[in-house]
Amino acid sequence: MNGHASAPASRHGRDRRAHVVHGPQGAPRVSGTAPRVAVIGGGIAGLAAATALAERGVHVTVYEREHQLGGRLRGWPEELADGSTITMSRGFHAFFRQYYNLRGLLRRTDPALRTLRGLPDYPLRHSGGLQDGFARVPRTPPWSALGFAALSPTFGVGAT
C-alpha cells in the first residue's frame, strides 16, 4: 500500500450510494514493553483515543472528573421531590446516522450496533410552536445539511 486511501468499498445500509473510503493503515501494535499513557477526559474524543491506543497494545488509563464517562453525552439519575427518578443530561445530543466516524467507533465493541435504538424522528420544538425534524432528511452529506435547511420551517429556505 502506498499510504493513500484505498479504493472505495461498498457500504451496506440504507443509502445504497454510500461508499467507505479507508484511510491509511494506522500505527502497528507496540512491540516489546508497552508504554503507559494517560488520557484526560472520558468524552467521545478521549474514549476514541484510548480505544485506538489500547488496540495497539498500549496500557491506557482514562481520567474523568465526573462519576460517569461520556462527556457532554453522559446522563445521570436525579431524584425528584416526589421520590421518582429521572435522567438528566447536558442537553441536545443524538447519534444521527450521518455520524459515520462515531458509528465506526461504536462498532468496535458492538458490531451490529444493538445498543443503539433507532427513533422515527428527533423533533426540535421551538418556543413559537414550530417543529423541525430529521426523519425526511437525506442521510448522505452534503445532502443531509441541504435537506434540513430546505425542509425546516425555522431555518433556511422553508423559514417564514
C-alpha atoms as a PDB file:
ATOM      1  CA  MET A   1       0.000   0.000   0.000  1.00  0.00           C
ATOM      2  CA  ASN A   2       1.334   3.470  -0.852  1.00  0.00           C
ATOM      3  CA  GLY A   3      -0.098   5.310   2.185  1.00  0.00           C
ATOM      4  CA  HIS A   4      -3.060   6.730   0.258  1.00  0.00           C
ATOM      5  CA  ALA A   5      -6.672   5.776   0.809  1.00  0.00           C
ATOM      6  CA  SER A   6      -7.691   2.549  -0.871  1.00  0.00           C
ATOM      7  CA  ALA A   7     -10.390   2.328  -3.497  1.00  0.00           C
ATOM      8  CA  PRO A   8     -13.902   2.836  -2.144  1.00  0.00           C
ATOM      9  CA  ALA A   9     -15.530  -0.293  -0.757  1.00  0.00           C
ATOM     10  CA  SER A  10     -19.259  -0.893  -0.896  1.00  0.00           C
ATOM     11  CA  ARG A  11     -21.159   0.030   2.227  1.00  0.00           C
ATOM     12  CA  HIS A  12     -24.214  -1.803   3.419  1.00  0.00           C
ATOM     13  CA  GLY A  13     -27.014   0.319   4.805  1.00  0.00           C
ATOM     14  CA  ARG A  14     -29.976   2.336   3.727  1.00  0.00           C
ATOM     15  CA  ASP A  15     -28.006   4.668   1.463  1.00  0.00           C
ATOM     16  CA  ARG A  16     -27.000   2.373  -1.399  1.00  0.00           C
ATOM     17  CA  ARG A  17     -24.829   5.089  -2.990  1.00  0.00           C
ATOM     18  CA  ALA A  18     -22.598   5.486   0.079  1.00  0.00           C
ATOM     19  CA  HIS A  19     -19.033   4.169  -0.021  1.00  0.00           C
ATOM     20  CA  VAL A  20     -16.410   3.626   2.650  1.00  0.00           C
ATOM     21  CA  VAL A  21     -13.022   5.109   1.818  1.00  0.00           C
ATOM     22  CA  HIS A  22     -10.431   3.513   4.060  1.00  0.00           C
ATOM     23  CA  GLY A  23      -7.666   5.786   5.345  1.00  0.00           C
ATOM     24  CA  PRO A  24      -4.013   4.860   5.541  1.00  0.00           C
ATOM     25  CA  GLN A  25      -3.005   1.984   7.802  1.00  0.00           C
ATOM     26  CA  GLY A  26      -2.597   3.064  11.420  1.00  0.00           C
ATOM     27  CA  ALA A  27       0.458   2.554  13.573  1.00  0.00           C
ATOM     28  CA  PRO A  28       1.371  -1.084  14.241  1.00  0.00           C
ATOM     29  CA  ARG A  29       0.946  -2.770  17.618  1.00  0.00           C
ATOM     30  CA  VAL A  30       3.600  -1.931  20.149  1.00  0.00           C
ATOM     31  CA  SER A  31       6.403  -4.479  20.297  1.00  0.00           C
ATOM     32  CA  GLY A  32       8.348  -5.043  23.477  1.00  0.00           C
ATOM     33  CA  THR A  33       7.380  -3.309  26.696  1.00  0.00           C
ATOM     34  CA  ALA A  34       4.101  -1.478  26.242  1.00  0.00           C
ATOM     35  CA  PRO A  35       4.138   2.198  27.184  1.00  0.00           C
ATOM     36  CA  ARG A  36       1.675   3.581  29.705  1.00  0.00           C
ATOM     37  CA  VAL A  37      -0.452   6.515  28.598  1.00  0.00           C
ATOM     38  CA  ALA A  38      -2.913   8.737  30.439  1.00  0.00           C
ATOM     39  CA  VAL A  39      -5.924  10.058  28.530  1.00  0.00           C
ATOM     40  CA  ILE A  40      -7.565  13.063  30.147  1.00  0.00           C
ATOM     41  CA  GLY A  41     -11.307  13.142  29.618  1.00  0.00           C
ATOM     42  CA  GLY A  42     -13.834  10.373  29.102  1.00  0.00           C
ATOM     43  CA  GLY A  43     -15.868  12.021  26.363  1.00  0.00           C
ATOM     44  CA  ILE A  44     -16.073  10.772  22.796  1.00  0.00           C
ATOM     45  CA  ALA A  45     -12.632  12.120  21.817  1.00  0.00           C
ATOM     46  CA  GLY A  46     -10.917  10.727  24.914  1.00  0.00           C
ATOM     47  CA  LEU A  47     -12.565   7.322  24.548  1.00  0.00           C
ATOM     48  CA  ALA A  48     -11.697   7.214  20.825  1.00  0.00           C
ATOM     49  CA  ALA A  49      -8.040   7.997  21.620  1.00  0.00           C
ATOM     50  CA  ALA A  50      -7.970   5.409  24.416  1.00  0.00           C
ATOM     51  CA  THR A  51      -9.514   2.785  22.122  1.00  0.00           C
ATOM     52  CA  ALA A  52      -7.007   3.398  19.312  1.00  0.00           C
ATOM     53  CA  LEU A  53      -4.070   3.228  21.740  1.00  0.00           C
ATOM     54  CA  ALA A  54      -5.332   0.108  23.515  1.00  0.00           C
ATOM     55  CA  GLU A  55      -5.869  -1.645  20.155  1.00  0.00           C
ATOM     56  CA  ARG A  56      -2.172  -1.094  19.500  1.00  0.00           C
ATOM     57  CA  GLY A  57      -1.131  -2.661  22.812  1.00  0.00           C
ATOM     58  CA  VAL A  58      -0.620   0.499  24.872  1.00  0.00           C
ATOM     59  CA  HIS A  59      -1.637   0.422  28.569  1.00  0.00           C
ATOM     60  CA  VAL A  60      -4.191   3.227  28.834  1.00  0.00           C
ATOM     61  CA  THR A  61      -5.695   4.882  31.898  1.00  0.00           C
ATOM     62  CA  VAL A  62      -8.616   7.259  31.294  1.00  0.00           C
ATOM     63  CA  TYR A  63      -9.076  10.049  33.835  1.00  0.00           C
ATOM     64  CA  GLU A  64     -12.506  11.650  34.036  1.00  0.00           C
ATOM     65  CA  ARG A  65     -13.539  14.216  36.654  1.00  0.00           C
ATOM     66  CA  GLU A  66     -17.208  13.175  36.604  1.00  0.00           C
ATOM     67  CA  HIS A  67     -18.570   9.932  38.025  1.00  0.00           C
ATOM     68  CA  GLN A  68     -19.640   8.709  34.552  1.00  0.00           C
ATOM     69  CA  LEU A  69     -17.958   8.517  31.177  1.00  0.00           C
ATOM     70  CA  GLY A  70     -19.443  10.199  28.122  1.00  0.00           C
ATOM     71  CA  GLY A  71     -18.548  13.870  28.444  1.00  0.00           C
ATOM     72  CA  ARG A  72     -21.307  16.032  27.042  1.00  0.00           C
ATOM     73  CA  LEU A  73     -23.251  12.917  26.052  1.00  0.00           C
ATOM     74  CA  ARG A  74     -23.485  11.493  29.539  1.00  0.00           C
ATOM     75  CA  GLY A  75     -26.661  11.217  31.540  1.00  0.00           C
ATOM     76  CA  TRP A  76     -27.158  10.795  35.262  1.00  0.00           C
ATOM     77  CA  PRO A  77     -30.059   9.941  37.549  1.00  0.00           C
ATOM     78  CA  GLU A  78     -31.704  12.614  39.713  1.00  0.00           C
ATOM     79  CA  GLU A  79     -34.352  12.008  42.339  1.00  0.00           C
ATOM     80  CA  LEU A  80     -37.332  14.385  42.316  1.00  0.00           C
ATOM     81  CA  ALA A  81     -39.140  15.659  45.419  1.00  0.00           C
ATOM     82  CA  ASP A  82     -41.860  13.015  44.935  1.00  0.00           C
ATOM     83  CA  GLY A  83     -39.246  10.226  45.028  1.00  0.00           C
ATOM     84  CA  SER A  84     -39.357   9.421  41.314  1.00  0.00           C
ATOM     85  CA  THR A  85     -36.123   9.242  39.347  1.00  0.00           C
ATOM     86  CA  ILE A  86     -35.443  10.981  36.045  1.00  0.00           C
ATOM     87  CA  THR A  87     -32.407  11.031  33.782  1.00  0.00           C
ATOM     88  CA  MET A  88     -30.702  14.393  33.411  1.00  0.00           C
ATOM     89  CA  SER A  89     -28.391  15.314  30.545  1.00  0.00           C
ATOM     90  CA  ARG A  90     -26.482  18.320  29.283  1.00  0.00           C
ATOM     91  CA  GLY A  91     -28.959  18.988  26.514  1.00  0.00           C
ATOM     92  CA  PHE A  92     -29.313  18.202  22.847  1.00  0.00           C
ATOM     93  CA  HIS A  93     -27.459  15.128  21.697  1.00  0.00           C
ATOM     94  CA  ALA A  94     -28.264  12.323  19.326  1.00  0.00           C
ATOM     95  CA  PHE A  95     -26.337   9.758  17.324  1.00  0.00           C
ATOM     96  CA  PHE A  96     -27.511  10.697  13.854  1.00  0.00           C
ATOM     97  CA  ARG A  97     -26.926   8.160  11.116  1.00  0.00           C
ATOM     98  CA  GLN A  98     -24.745  10.731   9.351  1.00  0.00           C
ATOM     99  CA  TYR A  99     -22.126  10.445  12.151  1.00  0.00           C
ATOM    100  CA  TYR A 100     -20.154   7.728  10.351  1.00  0.00           C
ATOM    101  CA  ASN A 101     -16.973   8.046  12.450  1.00  0.00           C
ATOM    102  CA  LEU A 102     -18.861   7.740  15.735  1.00  0.00           C
ATOM    103  CA  ARG A 103     -20.761   4.712  14.486  1.00  0.00           C
ATOM    104  CA  GLY A 104     -17.455   3.173  13.368  1.00  0.00           C
ATOM    105  CA  LEU A 105     -16.035   3.649  16.864  1.00  0.00           C
ATOM    106  CA  LEU A 106     -19.125   2.101  18.479  1.00  0.00           C
ATOM    107  CA  ARG A 107     -18.920  -0.887  16.099  1.00  0.00           C
ATOM    108  CA  ARG A 108     -15.565  -1.846  17.657  1.00  0.00           C
ATOM    109  CA  THR A 109     -17.420  -3.104  20.730  1.00  0.00           C
ATOM    110  CA  ASP A 110     -20.901  -3.571  19.266  1.00  0.00           C
ATOM    111  CA  PRO A 111     -20.537  -4.621  15.586  1.00  0.00           C
ATOM    112  CA  ALA A 112     -24.293  -4.741  14.957  1.00  0.00           C
ATOM    113  CA  LEU A 113     -24.935  -1.514  16.936  1.00  0.00           C
ATOM    114  CA  ARG A 114     -27.516  -3.358  19.023  1.00  0.00           C
ATOM    115  CA  THR A 115     -27.104  -0.911  21.918  1.00  0.00           C
ATOM    116  CA  LEU A 116     -28.403   1.965  19.780  1.00  0.00           C
ATOM    117  CA  ARG A 117     -32.148   2.318  19.450  1.00  0.00           C
ATOM    118  CA  GLY A 118     -33.484   3.998  16.366  1.00  0.00           C
ATOM    119  CA  LEU A 119     -36.142   6.672  16.673  1.00  0.00           C
ATOM    120  CA  PRO A 120     -38.680   7.541  13.989  1.00  0.00           C
ATOM    121  CA  ASP A 121     -37.573  11.183  14.320  1.00  0.00           C
ATOM    122  CA  TYR A 122     -35.696  13.550  16.610  1.00  0.00           C
ATOM    123  CA  PRO A 123     -38.014  16.547  16.824  1.00  0.00           C
ATOM    124  CA  LEU A 124     -36.800  20.010  17.805  1.00  0.00           C
ATOM    125  CA  ARG A 125     -39.679  22.004  19.237  1.00  0.00           C
ATOM    126  CA  HIS A 126     -39.319  25.756  19.222  1.00  0.00           C
ATOM    127  CA  SER A 127     -40.952  28.148  21.700  1.00  0.00           C
ATOM    128  CA  GLY A 128     -43.179  29.591  18.956  1.00  0.00           C
ATOM    129  CA  GLY A 129     -44.713  26.163  18.274  1.00  0.00           C
ATOM    130  CA  LEU A 130     -42.800  25.320  15.097  1.00  0.00           C
ATOM    131  CA  GLN A 131     -41.027  21.975  14.899  1.00  0.00           C
ATOM    132  CA  ASP A 132     -38.008  20.769  12.966  1.00  0.00           C
ATOM    133  CA  GLY A 133     -37.276  17.092  12.394  1.00  0.00           C
ATOM    134  CA  PHE A 134     -34.792  14.767  10.767  1.00  0.00           C
ATOM    135  CA  ALA A 135     -36.968  11.875   9.541  1.00  0.00           C
ATOM    136  CA  ARG A 136     -37.190  13.150   5.947  1.00  0.00           C
ATOM    137  CA  VAL A 137     -33.620  14.494   5.741  1.00  0.00           C
ATOM    138  CA  PRO A 138     -31.268  12.634   3.345  1.00  0.00           C
ATOM    139  CA  ARG A 139     -28.523  10.643   5.067  1.00  0.00           C
ATOM    140  CA  THR A 140     -25.630  11.442   2.752  1.00  0.00           C
ATOM    141  CA  PRO A 141     -23.593  14.638   3.220  1.00  0.00           C
ATOM    142  CA  PRO A 142     -23.860  17.317   1.881  1.00  0.00           C
ATOM    143  CA  TRP A 143     -27.473  16.483   1.003  1.00  0.00           C
ATOM    144  CA  SER A 144     -28.245  15.983   4.707  1.00  0.00           C
ATOM    145  CA  ALA A 145     -27.431  19.615   5.596  1.00  0.00           C
ATOM    146  CA  LEU A 146     -29.092  20.974   2.462  1.00  0.00           C
ATOM    147  CA  GLY A 147     -32.165  18.816   3.037  1.00  0.00           C
ATOM    148  CA  PHE A 148     -32.511  20.010   6.634  1.00  0.00           C
ATOM    149  CA  ALA A 149     -32.284  23.647   5.539  1.00  0.00           C
ATOM    150  CA  ALA A 150     -34.819  23.124   2.753  1.00  0.00           C
ATOM    151  CA  LEU A 151     -37.329  21.203   4.880  1.00  0.00           C
ATOM    152  CA  SER A 152     -37.053  23.262   8.064  1.00  0.00           C
ATOM    153  CA  PRO A 153     -39.850  25.720   8.889  1.00  0.00           C
ATOM    154  CA  THR A 154     -37.407  27.728  11.055  1.00  0.00           C
ATOM    155  CA  PHE A 155     -34.127  27.562   9.140  1.00  0.00           C
ATOM    156  CA  GLY A 156     -33.198  28.204   5.549  1.00  0.00           C
ATOM    157  CA  VAL A 157     -35.450  28.165   2.518  1.00  0.00           C
ATOM    158  CA  GLY A 158     -38.597  26.956   4.279  1.00  0.00           C
ATOM    159  CA  ALA A 159     -38.409  29.593   7.056  1.00  0.00           C
ATOM    160  CA  THR A 160     -41.203  32.123   7.303  1.00  0.00           C
END
